[in-house]
C-alpha atoms as a PDB file:
ATOM      1  CA  MET A   1     -91.555-193.155  91.381  1.00  0.00           C
ATOM      2  CA  ILE A   2     -93.521-191.570  94.272  1.00  0.00           C
ATOM      3  CA  ILE A   3     -97.035-192.470  94.765  1.00  0.00           C
ATOM      4  CA  THR A   4     -98.599-189.083  95.740  1.00  0.00           C
ATOM      5  CA  ASN A   5    -101.765-190.365  97.166  1.00  0.00           C
ATOM      6  CA  TYR A   6    -100.238-192.535  99.779  1.00  0.00           C
ATOM      7  CA  GLY A   7     -99.056-190.233 102.453  1.00  0.00           C
ATOM      8  CA  TRP A   8     -99.552-189.862 106.267  1.00  0.00           C
ATOM      9  CA  SER A   9    -102.002-186.808 105.793  1.00  0.00           C
ATOM     10  CA  ASP A  10    -104.333-188.910 103.731  1.00  0.00           C
ATOM     11  CA  TYR A  11    -104.920-191.461 106.564  1.00  0.00           C
ATOM     12  CA  LEU A  12    -104.843-189.429 109.660  1.00  0.00           C
ATOM     13  CA  TYR A  13    -108.667-189.680 110.141  1.00  0.00           C
ATOM     14  CA  LEU A  14    -107.965-193.472 110.749  1.00  0.00           C
ATOM     15  CA  PHE A  15    -105.381-193.497 113.424  1.00  0.00           C
ATOM     16  CA  ASP A  16    -105.522-189.944 114.752  1.00  0.00           C
ATOM     17  CA  GLY A  17    -109.193-189.242 115.129  1.00  0.00           C
ATOM     18  CA  TRP A  18    -110.888-188.822 118.494  1.00  0.00           C
ATOM     19  CA  VAL A  19    -111.777-192.467 118.818  1.00  0.00           C
ATOM     20  CA  ALA A  20    -108.083-193.531 118.393  1.00  0.00           C
ATOM     21  CA  LYS A  21    -106.914-190.829 120.811  1.00  0.00           C
ATOM     22  CA  CYS A  22    -109.291-191.892 123.557  1.00  0.00           C
ATOM     23  CA  ALA A  23    -108.532-195.419 122.878  1.00  0.00           C
ATOM     24  CA  MET A  24    -104.981-194.966 124.180  1.00  0.00           C
ATOM     25  CA  ALA A  25    -106.370-194.969 127.666  1.00  0.00           C
ATOM     26  CA  ILE A  26    -107.992-198.387 127.235  1.00  0.00           C
ATOM     27  CA  PRO A  27    -104.714-200.350 128.223  1.00  0.00           C
ATOM     28  CA  ILE A  28    -104.883-198.518 131.499  1.00  0.00           C
ATOM     29  CA  VAL A  29    -108.539-199.071 132.597  1.00  0.00           C
ATOM     30  CA  GLY A  30    -109.610-201.698 130.083  1.00  0.00           C
ATOM     31  CA  TYR A  31    -108.079-204.616 131.958  1.00  0.00           C
ATOM     32  CA  LEU A  32    -110.157-203.934 134.944  1.00  0.00           C
ATOM     33  CA  ILE A  33    -113.300-203.542 132.895  1.00  0.00           C
ATOM     34  CA  LEU A  34    -112.737-206.585 130.774  1.00  0.00           C
ATOM     35  CA  PHE A  35    -112.472-208.935 133.745  1.00  0.00           C
ATOM     36  CA  ASN A  36    -114.980-207.247 135.846  1.00  0.00           C
ATOM     37  CA  ASP A  37    -117.911-209.777 136.176  1.00  0.00           C
ATOM     38  CA  THR A  38    -120.421-207.100 137.183  1.00  0.00           C
ATOM     39  CA  VAL A  39    -119.711-205.182 133.984  1.00  0.00           C
ATOM     40  CA  SER A  40    -119.928-208.177 131.699  1.00  0.00           C
ATOM     41  CA  GLN A  41    -123.164-209.344 133.091  1.00  0.00           C
ATOM     42  CA  HIS A  42    -124.835-205.975 132.580  1.00  0.00           C
ATOM     43  CA  LEU A  43    -123.616-205.380 129.141  1.00  0.00           C
ATOM     44  CA  SER A  44    -126.559-207.062 127.524  1.00  0.00           C
ATOM     45  CA  PHE A  45    -129.521-205.695 125.562  1.00  0.00           C
ATOM     46  CA  ASN A  46    -132.491-207.876 126.788  1.00  0.00           C
ATOM     47  CA  ARG A  47    -135.017-205.117 126.713  1.00  0.00           C
ATOM     48  CA  LEU A  48    -133.833-203.681 123.404  1.00  0.00           C
ATOM     49  CA  ALA A  49    -133.118-207.029 121.410  1.00  0.00           C
ATOM     50  CA  ASP A  50    -134.522-209.723 123.794  1.00  0.00           C
ATOM     51  CA  GLU A  51    -130.969-211.378 123.822  1.00  0.00           C
ATOM     52  CA  ASN A  52    -132.008-213.859 126.498  1.00  0.00           C
ATOM     53  CA  ILE A  53    -134.462-215.543 124.007  1.00  0.00           C
ATOM     54  CA  LEU A  54    -132.392-215.200 120.806  1.00  0.00           C
ATOM     55  CA  GLY A  55    -130.287-218.327 119.904  1.00  0.00           C
ATOM     56  CA  PHE A  56    -127.655-216.580 117.738  1.00  0.00           C
ATOM     57  CA  GLY A  57    -125.129-213.751 118.051  1.00  0.00           C
ATOM     58  CA  LEU A  58    -122.540-212.719 120.460  1.00  0.00           C
ATOM     59  CA  SER A  59    -122.749-213.018 124.157  1.00  0.00           C
ATOM     60  CA  PRO A  60    -122.204-209.991 126.340  1.00  0.00           C
ATOM     61  CA  VAL A  61    -118.760-211.188 127.293  1.00  0.00           C
ATOM     62  CA  ALA A  62    -117.750-211.785 123.584  1.00  0.00           C
ATOM     63  CA  ARG A  63    -119.038-208.360 122.738  1.00  0.00           C
ATOM     64  CA  LEU A  64    -117.089-206.713 125.480  1.00  0.00           C
ATOM     65  CA  LYS A  65    -113.941-208.620 124.477  1.00  0.00           C
ATOM     66  CA  LEU A  66    -114.185-207.463 120.760  1.00  0.00           C
ATOM     67  CA  ILE A  67    -114.697-203.862 121.874  1.00  0.00           C
ATOM     68  CA  TYR A  68    -111.739-204.065 124.216  1.00  0.00           C
ATOM     69  CA  PHE A  69    -109.308-205.539 121.760  1.00  0.00           C
ATOM     70  CA  GLY A  70    -110.805-203.213 118.916  1.00  0.00           C
ATOM     71  CA  LEU A  71    -109.843-200.162 121.176  1.00  0.00           C
ATOM     72  CA  ILE A  72    -106.447-201.796 122.003  1.00  0.00           C
ATOM     73  CA  PHE A  73    -105.617-201.804 118.196  1.00  0.00           C
ATOM     74  CA  LEU A  74    -106.783-198.331 117.668  1.00  0.00           C
ATOM     75  CA  GLY A  75    -104.802-197.072 120.662  1.00  0.00           C
ATOM     76  CA  SER A  76    -101.654-198.881 119.417  1.00  0.00           C
ATOM     77  CA  ALA A  77    -102.237-197.359 115.918  1.00  0.00           C
ATOM     78  CA  ASN A  78    -102.349-193.804 117.520  1.00  0.00           C
ATOM     79  CA  ILE A  79     -99.372-194.514 119.791  1.00  0.00           C
ATOM     80  CA  LEU A  80     -97.213-195.846 116.802  1.00  0.00           C
ATOM     81  CA  TYR A  81     -98.183-192.799 114.771  1.00  0.00           C
ATOM     82  CA  ARG A  82     -97.041-190.420 117.528  1.00  0.00           C
ATOM     83  CA  ILE A  83     -93.699-192.335 117.847  1.00  0.00           C
ATOM     84  CA  ARG A  84     -93.011-192.887 114.126  1.00  0.00           C
ATOM     85  CA  ARG A  85     -94.638-189.960 112.328  1.00  0.00           C
ATOM     86  CA  PRO A  86     -92.489-187.717 110.208  1.00  0.00           C
ATOM     87  CA  PHE A  87     -91.158-184.641 112.131  1.00  0.00           C
ATOM     88  CA  VAL A  88     -93.352-182.231 110.142  1.00  0.00           C
ATOM     89  CA  PHE A  89     -96.529-183.649 111.710  1.00  0.00           C
ATOM     90  CA  LYS A  90     -95.323-182.320 115.015  1.00  0.00           C
ATOM     91  CA  ILE A  91     -95.643-178.768 113.463  1.00  0.00           C
ATOM     92  CA  GLY A  92     -99.050-179.293 111.632  1.00  0.00           C
ATOM     93  CA  THR A  93    -101.116-182.430 110.714  1.00  0.00           C
ATOM     94  CA  ASP A  94    -101.746-181.227 107.060  1.00  0.00           C
ATOM     95  CA  GLN A  95    -100.016-179.052 104.585  1.00  0.00           C
ATOM     96  CA  PHE A  96    -102.081-175.862 105.469  1.00  0.00           C
ATOM     97  CA  ASP A  97    -101.433-176.059 109.214  1.00  0.00           C
ATOM     98  CA  TYR A  98     -97.707-176.991 108.706  1.00  0.00           C
ATOM     99  CA  VAL A  99     -97.182-173.966 106.362  1.00  0.00           C
ATOM    100  CA  GLU A 100     -99.024-171.520 108.478  1.00  0.00           C
ATOM    101  CA  ASN A 101     -97.316-172.704 111.768  1.00  0.00           C
ATOM    102  CA  ALA A 102     -93.860-172.812 110.121  1.00  0.00           C
ATOM    103  CA  LEU A 103     -94.270-169.328 108.788  1.00  0.00           C
ATOM    104  CA  LYS A 104     -95.005-168.052 112.338  1.00  0.00           C
ATOM    105  CA  HIS A 105     -92.280-169.884 114.080  1.00  0.00           C
ATOM    106  CA  PHE A 106     -89.449-170.851 111.675  1.00  0.00           C
ATOM    107  CA  THR A 107     -86.163-169.095 111.796  1.00  0.00           C
ATOM    108  CA  VAL A 108     -84.026-168.373 108.771  1.00  0.00           C
ATOM    109  CA  SER A 109     -81.817-171.360 109.682  1.00  0.00           C
ATOM    110  CA  ALA A 110     -84.760-173.693 109.053  1.00  0.00           C
ATOM    111  CA  TYR A 111     -85.168-172.364 105.602  1.00  0.00           C
ATOM    112  CA  ILE A 112     -81.497-172.754 104.952  1.00  0.00           C
ATOM    113  CA  ASP A 113     -81.755-176.400 106.033  1.00  0.00           C
ATOM    114  CA  ILE A 114     -84.943-176.995 103.771  1.00  0.00           C
ATOM    115  CA  HIS A 115     -83.223-175.266 100.767  1.00  0.00           C
ATOM    116  CA  GLY A 116     -80.124-177.565 101.276  1.00  0.00           C
ATOM    117  CA  LEU A 117     -82.332-180.695 101.318  1.00  0.00           C
ATOM    118  CA  ILE A 118     -84.147-179.639  98.260  1.00  0.00           C
ATOM    119  CA  ARG A 119     -81.140-178.900  96.239  1.00  0.00           C
ATOM    120  CA  HIS A 120     -79.252-181.950  97.556  1.00  0.00           C
ATOM    121  CA  GLU A 121     -82.167-184.510  97.041  1.00  0.00           C
ATOM    122  CA  GLY A 122     -83.940-182.752  94.173  1.00  0.00           C
ATOM    123  CA  HIS A 123     -87.370-181.379  94.125  1.00  0.00           C
ATOM    124  CA  HIS A 124     -90.663-183.680  94.187  1.00  0.00           C
ATOM    125  CA  THR A 125     -93.219-180.835  93.349  1.00  0.00           C
ATOM    126  CA  LEU A 126     -93.262-177.839  91.239  1.00  0.00           C
ATOM    127  CA  HIS A 127     -93.028-175.986  94.362  1.00  0.00           C
ATOM    128  CA  GLY A 128     -89.351-177.028  94.798  1.00  0.00           C
ATOM    129  CA  LYS A 129     -88.536-175.421  91.396  1.00  0.00           C
ATOM    130  CA  TYR A 130     -87.752-171.959  92.629  1.00  0.00           C
ATOM    131  CA  TYR A 131     -84.913-169.865  91.473  1.00  0.00           C
ATOM    132  CA  ASP A 132     -81.662-169.808  93.438  1.00  0.00           C
ATOM    133  CA  ALA A 133     -81.342-165.998  92.670  1.00  0.00           C
ATOM    134  CA  GLU A 134     -84.575-165.378  94.497  1.00  0.00           C
ATOM    135  CA  TYR A 135     -83.461-167.436  97.526  1.00  0.00           C
ATOM    136  CA  ASP A 136     -80.114-165.596  97.571  1.00  0.00           C
ATOM    137  CA  ALA A 137     -82.014-162.262  97.524  1.00  0.00           C
ATOM    138  CA  PHE A 138     -84.106-163.568 100.469  1.00  0.00           C
ATOM    139  CA  LEU A 139     -81.065-164.418 102.447  1.00  0.00           C
ATOM    140  CA  ASN A 140     -79.508-161.065 101.625  1.00  0.00           C
ATOM    141  CA  LEU A 141     -82.546-159.332 103.299  1.00  0.00           C
ATOM    142  CA  ALA A 142     -82.906-161.804 106.230  1.00  0.00           C
ATOM    143  CA  LEU A 143     -79.223-162.045 107.125  1.00  0.00           C
ATOM    144  CA  GLY A 144     -77.737-158.944 105.554  1.00  0.00           C
ATOM    145  CA  HIS A 145     -75.882-158.253 102.308  1.00  0.00           C
ATOM    146  CA  LYS A 146     -72.566-159.936 101.772  1.00  0.00           C
ATOM    147  CA  GLY A 147     -69.481-157.907 101.828  1.00  0.00           C
ATOM    148  CA  ASP A 148     -66.124-158.173  99.870  1.00  0.00           C
ATOM    149  CA  ARG A 149     -65.066-161.083 102.264  1.00  0.00           C
ATOM    150  CA  SER A 150     -68.358-162.834 101.898  1.00  0.00           C
ATOM    151  CA  GLN A 151     -69.325-161.615 105.384  1.00  0.00           C
ATOM    152  CA  ARG A 152     -72.751-160.322 105.898  1.00  0.00           C
ATOM    153  CA  ASP A 153     -73.641-156.924 107.077  1.00  0.00           C
ATOM    154  CA  GLU A 154     -75.989-157.641 109.912  1.00  0.00           C
ATOM    155  CA  THR A 155     -77.040-153.852 109.993  1.00  0.00           C
ATOM    156  CA  THR A 156     -78.815-154.291 106.699  1.00  0.00           C
ATOM    157  CA  ALA A 157     -80.794-157.364 107.798  1.00  0.00           C
ATOM    158  CA  ASP A 158     -84.605-157.333 108.257  1.00  0.00           C
ATOM    159  CA  TRP A 159     -86.104-160.690 108.944  1.00  0.00           C
ATOM    160  CA  THR A 160     -89.560-159.198 109.165  1.00  0.00           C
ATOM    161  CA  GLN A 161     -89.346-157.551 105.845  1.00  0.00           C
ATOM    162  CA  ALA A 162     -87.655-160.660 104.440  1.00  0.00           C
ATOM    163  CA  LYS A 163     -90.585-162.878 105.391  1.00  0.00           C
ATOM    164  CA  SER A 164     -93.210-160.322 104.066  1.00  0.00           C
ATOM    165  CA  ARG A 165     -91.455-159.745 100.741  1.00  0.00           C
ATOM    166  CA  TYR A 166     -90.615-163.394  99.870  1.00  0.00           C
ATOM    167  CA  GLU A 167     -93.527-165.111 101.605  1.00  0.00           C
ATOM    168  CA  GLY A 168     -94.333-166.753  98.193  1.00  0.00           C
ATOM    169  CA  LEU A 169     -90.946-168.385  97.985  1.00  0.00           C
ATOM    170  CA  LEU A 170     -91.069-169.490 101.670  1.00  0.00           C
ATOM    171  CA  ARG A 171     -94.609-171.081 101.179  1.00  0.00           C
ATOM    172  CA  SER A 172     -93.171-172.942  98.138  1.00  0.00           C
ATOM    173  CA  MET A 173     -90.156-174.249 100.129  1.00  0.00           C
ATOM    174  CA  LEU A 174     -92.466-175.330 103.067  1.00  0.00           C
ATOM    175  CA  ILE A 175     -95.039-177.084 100.643  1.00  0.00           C
ATOM    176  CA  GLU A 176     -92.223-179.057  98.968  1.00  0.00           C
ATOM    177  CA  ASN A 177     -90.826-179.806 102.493  1.00  0.00           C
ATOM    178  CA  PHE A 178     -94.202-181.068 103.848  1.00  0.00           C
ATOM    179  CA  PHE A 179     -94.788-183.197 100.608  1.00  0.00           C
ATOM    180  CA  ARG A 180     -91.289-184.973 100.937  1.00  0.00           C
ATOM    181  CA  ASN A 181     -91.867-185.740 104.526  1.00  0.00           C
ATOM    182  CA  ASN A 182     -95.485-186.927 104.127  1.00  0.00           C
ATOM    183  CA  VAL A 183     -94.350-189.687 101.756  1.00  0.00           C
ATOM    184  CA  LYS A 184     -91.657-190.942 104.062  1.00  0.00           C
ATOM    185  CA  ARG A 185     -91.702-194.062 106.317  1.00  0.00           C
ATOM    186  CA  ARG A 186     -94.407-195.622 104.572  1.00  0.00           C
ATOM    187  CA  LEU A 187     -93.889-198.894 106.182  1.00  0.00           C
ATOM    188  CA  TRP A 188     -94.756-197.412 109.582  1.00  0.00           C
ATOM    189  CA  LEU A 189     -97.636-195.813 107.779  1.00  0.00           C
ATOM    190  CA  SER A 190     -98.968-199.128 106.559  1.00  0.00           C
ATOM    191  CA  GLY A 191     -98.633-200.482 110.017  1.00  0.00           C
ATOM    192  CA  CYS A 192    -100.778-197.721 111.463  1.00  0.00           C
ATOM    193  CA  ILE A 193    -103.269-198.138 108.862  1.00  0.00           C
ATOM    194  CA  LEU A 194    -103.427-201.946 109.409  1.00  0.00           C
ATOM    195  CA  LEU A 195    -103.794-201.655 113.102  1.00  0.00           C
ATOM    196  CA  SER A 196    -106.452-199.104 112.851  1.00  0.00           C
ATOM    197  CA  LEU A 197    -108.406-201.085 110.317  1.00  0.00           C
ATOM    198  CA  LEU A 198    -108.321-204.095 112.590  1.00  0.00           C
ATOM    199  CA  GLY A 199    -109.529-201.970 115.557  1.00  0.00           C
ATOM    200  CA  TYR A 200    -112.513-200.399 113.508  1.00  0.00           C
ATOM    201  CA  MET A 201    -113.431-204.094 112.256  1.00  0.00           C
ATOM    202  CA  LEU A 202    -113.555-205.374 115.828  1.00  0.00           C
ATOM    203  CA  LEU A 203    -115.669-202.432 116.917  1.00  0.00           C
ATOM    204  CA  PHE A 204    -118.051-202.843 113.989  1.00  0.00           C
ATOM    205  CA  ILE A 205    -118.717-206.710 114.655  1.00  0.00           C
ATOM    206  CA  PRO A 206    -120.484-205.911 117.995  1.00  0.00           C
ATOM    207  CA  SER A 207    -122.477-203.023 116.407  1.00  0.00           C
ATOM    208  CA  LEU A 208    -123.542-205.291 113.585  1.00  0.00           C
ATOM    209  CA  ASP A 209    -124.550-208.091 115.809  1.00  0.00           C
ATOM    210  CA  LEU A 210    -126.690-205.756 117.896  1.00  0.00           C
ATOM    211  CA  PHE A 211    -128.286-204.313 114.636  1.00  0.00           C
ATOM    212  CA  VAL A 212    -129.241-207.665 113.449  1.00  0.00           C
ATOM    213  CA  LYS A 213    -130.652-208.661 116.737  1.00  0.00           C
ATOM    214  CA  VAL A 214    -132.886-205.556 117.037  1.00  0.00           C
ATOM    215  CA  LEU A 215    -133.931-205.812 113.382  1.00  0.00           C
ATOM    216  CA  ASN A 216    -134.890-209.539 113.955  1.00  0.00           C
ATOM    217  CA  ILE A 217    -136.858-208.920 116.981  1.00  0.00           C
ATOM    218  CA  SER A 218    -138.629-205.872 115.473  1.00  0.00           C
ATOM    219  CA  LEU A 219    -139.648-207.939 112.561  1.00  0.00           C
ATOM    220  CA  LEU A 220    -140.801-210.768 114.758  1.00  0.00           C
ATOM    221  CA  ARG A 221    -142.909-208.326 116.870  1.00  0.00           C
ATOM    222  CA  ALA A 222    -144.440-206.841 113.750  1.00  0.00           C
ATOM    223  CA  LEU A 223    -145.639-210.084 112.398  1.00  0.00           C
END
């Protein structure tokens, strides 16, 4: 049984957002920042939160380390996604983009391969329940009609007209293909989700620490 709500496209915001993409650069420059004493000494909020007089919370160095390792986890999740993502995500990151880009750039051979997979492995959505007769009619127009010896008459082929007339069929095939790929390699998907959640948690801790300190000093000043 396929769990339809656990696919790559449902979690891209975690490990392929702008934060995760920028975090890929952290391993290159982060080491120099982390162990730069000048940076760590100035990463404090004495004016905003009076950290120098508060007796709790993270030190500037601890905060910097959490941010650094949080970005490392996020960058690793994005790198893992780019290495192990299903092939369809190189064409489009969601169903709509994939279908539109495929309709523009796919050749008839790509649809032949998709049809073969659907018929060999079975359909996973209602979009895969199209009629073979309609598919054969599409091939006859795209590649030319078959003659007596099963050879196609290329002079009758019209790829542009085939795409236009059978666009509904092609969209159904592409939607089915995106779905079946979207739910593949779920072990790698789980790894990307885990890494990204760890990264966001490590980034959240310094933010929460600063919020509590600012709230605490604001209340003390108001009393």
